[in-house]
Structure formats: structure tokens, C-alpha cells
């Protein structure tokens, strides 16, 4: 799942959904169990795993934390000092 050890570059909602679904399956928990653990609805988990772009970020972060995942931000191909792209 994570080709570079524990880090996977994710730039789309679809990729994030795939990461979440894969991790949930690794932990052998159902979507319903995950929803109950995170305090979200089942529909939210289904939509999140499908990559729905309008899923709330706060709830998404709760799901990631429950799965032992985190988001790391990096500057993509830009000047790190200026914080902007060429």
C-alpha cells in the first residue's frame, strides 16, 4: 500500500479514499464499525472511501486518526523559501 515505507503521496480525493479503504480493510473493520468509532454516519464513510470531494475535512481527520493515519503537507515543485510554484 505504501511503496516508500510509511509515506504515500496523495493528491486527489480518490487517492485519499483508496488509502482509507485499504487501511480499514487491513485493520479488518467494517465501514459501519469505523463510522461508529469516529462518530460519523455510515454514508460519510462510504462517500469518503469513494473520494467524494465535498466530505468535511474535520470528519475526515477524525477518520484518519482513528485508522492511525495522518496527513503531511509538502511544497510541490516550488521554491521552498518563497512558498510558491515556479
N, C-alpha and C. Protein backbone atom coordinates (compact mmCIF):
# COMPACT_ATOMS: atom_id res chain seq x y z
N UNK A 1 0.82 -1.19 0.00
CA UNK A 1 0.00 0.00 0.00
C UNK A 1 0.86 1.26 0.00
N UNK A 2 1.87 1.30 0.85
CA UNK A 2 2.72 2.47 0.96
C UNK A 2 4.09 2.10 0.41
N UNK A 3 4.33 2.42 -0.87
CA UNK A 3 5.57 1.98 -1.52
C UNK A 3 6.84 2.52 -0.90
N UNK A 4 6.82 3.69 -0.30
CA UNK A 4 8.02 4.29 0.29
C UNK A 4 8.02 4.13 1.80
N UNK A 5 7.89 2.91 2.28
CA UNK A 5 7.84 2.71 3.72
C UNK A 5 6.48 3.09 4.25
N UNK A 6 6.41 4.17 5.00
CA UNK A 6 5.15 4.60 5.60
C UNK A 6 4.57 5.84 4.96
N UNK A 7 5.13 6.32 3.87
CA UNK A 7 4.68 7.57 3.27
C UNK A 7 4.12 7.29 1.88
N UNK A 8 2.95 7.86 1.60
CA UNK A 8 2.35 7.74 0.28
C UNK A 8 1.88 9.11 -0.16
N UNK A 9 2.30 9.53 -1.34
CA UNK A 9 1.88 10.82 -1.88
C UNK A 9 0.43 10.71 -2.34
N UNK A 10 -0.41 11.56 -1.79
CA UNK A 10 -1.83 11.56 -2.12
C UNK A 10 -2.23 12.97 -2.51
N UNK A 11 -2.71 13.15 -3.73
CA UNK A 11 -3.04 14.49 -4.20
C UNK A 11 -4.49 14.63 -4.67
N UNK A 12 -5.26 13.54 -4.61
CA UNK A 12 -6.66 13.63 -5.02
C UNK A 12 -7.55 13.01 -3.96
N UNK A 13 -8.83 13.37 -3.98
CA UNK A 13 -9.77 12.79 -3.03
C UNK A 13 -9.94 11.29 -3.28
N UNK A 14 -9.83 10.89 -4.54
CA UNK A 14 -9.95 9.47 -4.87
C UNK A 14 -8.79 8.67 -4.26
N UNK A 15 -7.59 9.22 -4.34
CA UNK A 15 -6.43 8.55 -3.75
C UNK A 15 -6.57 8.47 -2.24
N UNK A 16 -7.04 9.54 -1.62
CA UNK A 16 -7.23 9.54 -0.17
C UNK A 16 -8.27 8.49 0.22
N UNK A 17 -9.34 8.41 -0.54
CA UNK A 17 -10.36 7.40 -0.28
C UNK A 17 -9.81 5.99 -0.37
N UNK A 18 -8.97 5.75 -1.35
CA UNK A 18 -8.34 4.43 -1.51
C UNK A 18 -7.45 4.10 -0.33
N UNK A 19 -6.68 5.07 0.13
CA UNK A 19 -5.81 4.86 1.29
C UNK A 19 -6.65 4.50 2.52
N UNK A 20 -7.73 5.24 2.72
CA UNK A 20 -8.60 5.00 3.88
C UNK A 20 -9.24 3.61 3.79
N UNK A 21 -9.77 3.26 2.64
CA UNK A 21 -10.40 1.95 2.46
C UNK A 21 -9.39 0.82 2.68
N UNK A 22 -8.20 0.97 2.10
CA UNK A 22 -7.16 -0.06 2.24
C UNK A 22 -6.77 -0.24 3.69
N UNK A 23 -6.57 0.86 4.40
CA UNK A 23 -6.18 0.78 5.82
C UNK A 23 -7.30 0.16 6.66
N UNK A 24 -8.54 0.54 6.38
CA UNK A 24 -9.67 -0.03 7.12
C UNK A 24 -9.71 -1.54 6.93
N UNK A 25 -9.50 -1.98 5.71
CA UNK A 25 -9.51 -3.42 5.42
C UNK A 25 -8.34 -4.13 6.08
N UNK A 26 -7.18 -3.47 6.11
CA UNK A 26 -6.02 -4.04 6.80
C UNK A 26 -6.33 -4.30 8.27
N UNK A 27 -7.09 -3.38 8.86
CA UNK A 27 -7.46 -3.48 10.28
C UNK A 27 -8.66 -4.40 10.50
N UNK A 28 -9.24 -4.89 9.39
CA UNK A 28 -10.37 -5.82 9.43
C UNK A 28 -11.57 -5.25 10.19
N UNK A 29 -11.91 -4.00 9.84
CA UNK A 29 -13.11 -3.41 10.42
C UNK A 29 -14.06 -3.01 9.28
N UNK A 30 -15.33 -3.04 9.57
CA UNK A 30 -16.33 -2.69 8.56
C UNK A 30 -16.50 -1.18 8.49
N UNK A 31 -17.14 -0.74 7.43
CA UNK A 31 -17.44 0.69 7.31
C UNK A 31 -18.34 1.13 8.45
N UNK A 32 -19.29 0.31 8.83
CA UNK A 32 -20.20 0.64 9.93
C UNK A 32 -19.43 0.77 11.25
N UNK A 33 -18.52 -0.15 11.51
CA UNK A 33 -17.71 -0.08 12.74
C UNK A 33 -16.86 1.19 12.75
N UNK A 34 -16.28 1.53 11.61
CA UNK A 34 -15.47 2.75 11.53
C UNK A 34 -16.32 3.98 11.78
N UNK A 35 -17.50 4.01 11.19
CA UNK A 35 -18.40 5.15 11.39
C UNK A 35 -18.76 5.30 12.87
N UNK A 36 -19.05 4.20 13.53
CA UNK A 36 -19.40 4.26 14.95
C UNK A 36 -18.22 4.74 15.79
N UNK A 37 -17.04 4.26 15.48
CA UNK A 37 -15.83 4.65 16.21
C UNK A 37 -15.55 6.14 16.06
N UNK A 38 -15.79 6.68 14.86
CA UNK A 38 -15.47 8.08 14.55
C UNK A 38 -16.61 9.04 14.88
N UNK A 39 -17.77 8.50 15.17
CA UNK A 39 -18.92 9.36 15.43
C UNK A 39 -19.48 10.00 14.16
N UNK A 40 -19.33 9.30 13.05
CA UNK A 40 -19.88 9.79 11.79
C UNK A 40 -20.95 8.81 11.32
N UNK A 41 -21.63 9.16 10.27
CA UNK A 41 -22.60 8.25 9.69
C UNK A 41 -21.94 7.30 8.71
N UNK A 42 -22.60 6.18 8.48
CA UNK A 42 -22.10 5.22 7.50
C UNK A 42 -21.98 5.85 6.12
N UNK A 43 -22.95 6.67 5.74
CA UNK A 43 -22.93 7.34 4.43
C UNK A 43 -21.66 8.17 4.26
N UNK A 44 -21.21 8.83 5.33
CA UNK A 44 -19.98 9.63 5.26
C UNK A 44 -18.79 8.75 4.92
N UNK A 45 -18.67 7.60 5.57
CA UNK A 45 -17.54 6.69 5.32
C UNK A 45 -17.59 6.18 3.89
N UNK A 46 -18.77 5.81 3.43
CA UNK A 46 -18.92 5.33 2.05
C UNK A 46 -18.48 6.42 1.07
N UNK A 47 -18.97 7.64 1.27
CA UNK A 47 -18.60 8.75 0.38
C UNK A 47 -17.11 9.06 0.45
N UNK A 48 -16.55 9.04 1.64
CA UNK A 48 -15.12 9.33 1.81
C UNK A 48 -14.27 8.30 1.06
N UNK A 49 -14.61 7.04 1.20
CA UNK A 49 -13.85 6.00 0.52
C UNK A 49 -14.01 6.05 -1.00
N UNK A 50 -15.10 6.61 -1.47
CA UNK A 50 -15.31 6.77 -2.91
C UNK A 50 -14.60 8.01 -3.45
N UNK A 51 -14.06 8.85 -2.55
CA UNK A 51 -13.34 10.04 -2.98
C UNK A 51 -14.21 11.25 -3.21
N UNK A 52 -15.37 11.31 -2.57
CA UNK A 52 -16.25 12.46 -2.74
C UNK A 52 -15.52 13.73 -2.29
N UNK A 53 -15.38 14.71 -3.17
CA UNK A 53 -14.57 15.89 -2.86
C UNK A 53 -15.19 16.85 -1.84
N UNK A 54 -16.46 16.70 -1.51
CA UNK A 54 -17.09 17.64 -0.59
C UNK A 54 -17.18 17.12 0.85
N UNK A 55 -16.50 16.01 1.15
CA UNK A 55 -16.51 15.49 2.52
C UNK A 55 -15.82 16.49 3.44
N UNK A 56 -16.39 16.66 4.62
CA UNK A 56 -15.87 17.63 5.58
C UNK A 56 -14.47 17.25 6.06
N UNK A 57 -13.59 18.23 6.09
CA UNK A 57 -12.20 17.97 6.47
C UNK A 57 -12.08 17.56 7.93
N UNK A 58 -12.86 18.14 8.81
CA UNK A 58 -12.79 17.78 10.23
C UNK A 58 -13.14 16.33 10.47
N UNK A 59 -14.21 15.88 9.85
CA UNK A 59 -14.61 14.48 9.98
C UNK A 59 -13.58 13.57 9.33
N UNK A 60 -13.04 14.00 8.20
CA UNK A 60 -12.02 13.21 7.51
C UNK A 60 -10.80 13.03 8.40
N UNK A 61 -10.39 14.08 9.09
CA UNK A 61 -9.24 13.99 10.00
C UNK A 61 -9.54 13.04 11.16
N UNK A 62 -10.78 13.02 11.65
CA UNK A 62 -11.17 12.07 12.71
C UNK A 62 -11.02 10.64 12.21
N UNK A 63 -11.46 10.39 10.99
CA UNK A 63 -11.36 9.04 10.41
C UNK A 63 -9.89 8.65 10.28
N UNK A 64 -9.07 9.55 9.74
CA UNK A 64 -7.65 9.26 9.58
C UNK A 64 -7.01 8.92 10.91
N UNK A 65 -7.30 9.71 11.93
CA UNK A 65 -6.73 9.47 13.26
C UNK A 65 -7.18 8.12 13.81
N UNK A 66 -8.44 7.78 13.63
CA UNK A 66 -8.95 6.50 14.11
C UNK A 66 -8.26 5.32 13.44
N UNK A 67 -7.82 5.52 12.20
CA UNK A 67 -7.13 4.46 11.45
C UNK A 67 -5.62 4.49 11.65
N UNK A 68 -5.14 5.43 12.46
CA UNK A 68 -3.70 5.54 12.68
C UNK A 68 -2.97 6.19 11.53
N UNK A 69 -3.69 7.03 10.77
CA UNK A 69 -3.11 7.73 9.63
C UNK A 69 -3.04 9.22 9.92
N UNK A 70 -2.20 9.92 9.19
CA UNK A 70 -2.08 11.37 9.32
C UNK A 70 -1.79 11.98 7.96
N UNK A 71 -2.11 13.25 7.82
CA UNK A 71 -1.80 13.99 6.60
C UNK A 71 -0.53 14.80 6.84
N UNK A 72 0.38 14.75 5.88
CA UNK A 72 1.59 15.56 5.92
C UNK A 72 1.59 16.44 4.69
N UNK A 73 1.86 17.71 4.86
CA UNK A 73 1.87 18.61 3.71
C UNK A 73 3.31 18.92 3.29
N UNK A 74 3.48 19.05 1.98
CA UNK A 74 4.78 19.41 1.41
C UNK A 74 4.55 20.38 0.27
N UNK A 75 5.57 21.12 -0.05
CA UNK A 75 5.51 22.04 -1.19
C UNK A 75 5.82 21.22 -2.44
N UNK A 76 4.93 21.30 -3.41
CA UNK A 76 5.09 20.53 -4.64
C UNK A 76 5.84 21.32 -5.69
N UNK A 77 7.08 20.96 -5.96
CA UNK A 77 7.86 21.53 -7.05
C UNK A 77 8.06 23.03 -7.00
N UNK A 78 7.92 23.62 -5.85
CA UNK A 78 8.05 25.07 -5.75
C UNK A 78 9.30 25.49 -5.03
N UNK A 79 9.48 26.78 -4.93
CA UNK A 79 10.59 27.36 -4.20
C UNK A 79 10.21 27.35 -2.72
N UNK A 80 10.91 26.54 -1.93
CA UNK A 80 10.56 26.39 -0.52
C UNK A 80 10.69 27.70 0.26
N UNK A 81 11.63 28.57 -0.12
CA UNK A 81 11.81 29.83 0.59
C UNK A 81 10.64 30.78 0.31
N UNK A 82 10.20 30.81 -0.91
CA UNK A 82 9.13 31.71 -1.31
C UNK A 82 7.74 31.12 -1.08
N UNK A 83 7.66 29.79 -1.04
CA UNK A 83 6.38 29.14 -0.85
C UNK A 83 5.45 29.22 -2.06
N UNK A 84 6.06 29.38 -3.24
CA UNK A 84 5.23 29.44 -4.44
C UNK A 84 5.83 28.59 -5.53
N UNK A 85 5.01 28.27 -6.48
CA UNK A 85 5.44 27.42 -7.60
C UNK A 85 6.12 28.26 -8.67
N UNK A 86 7.05 27.66 -9.42
CA UNK A 86 7.73 28.40 -10.49
C UNK A 86 6.80 28.76 -11.63
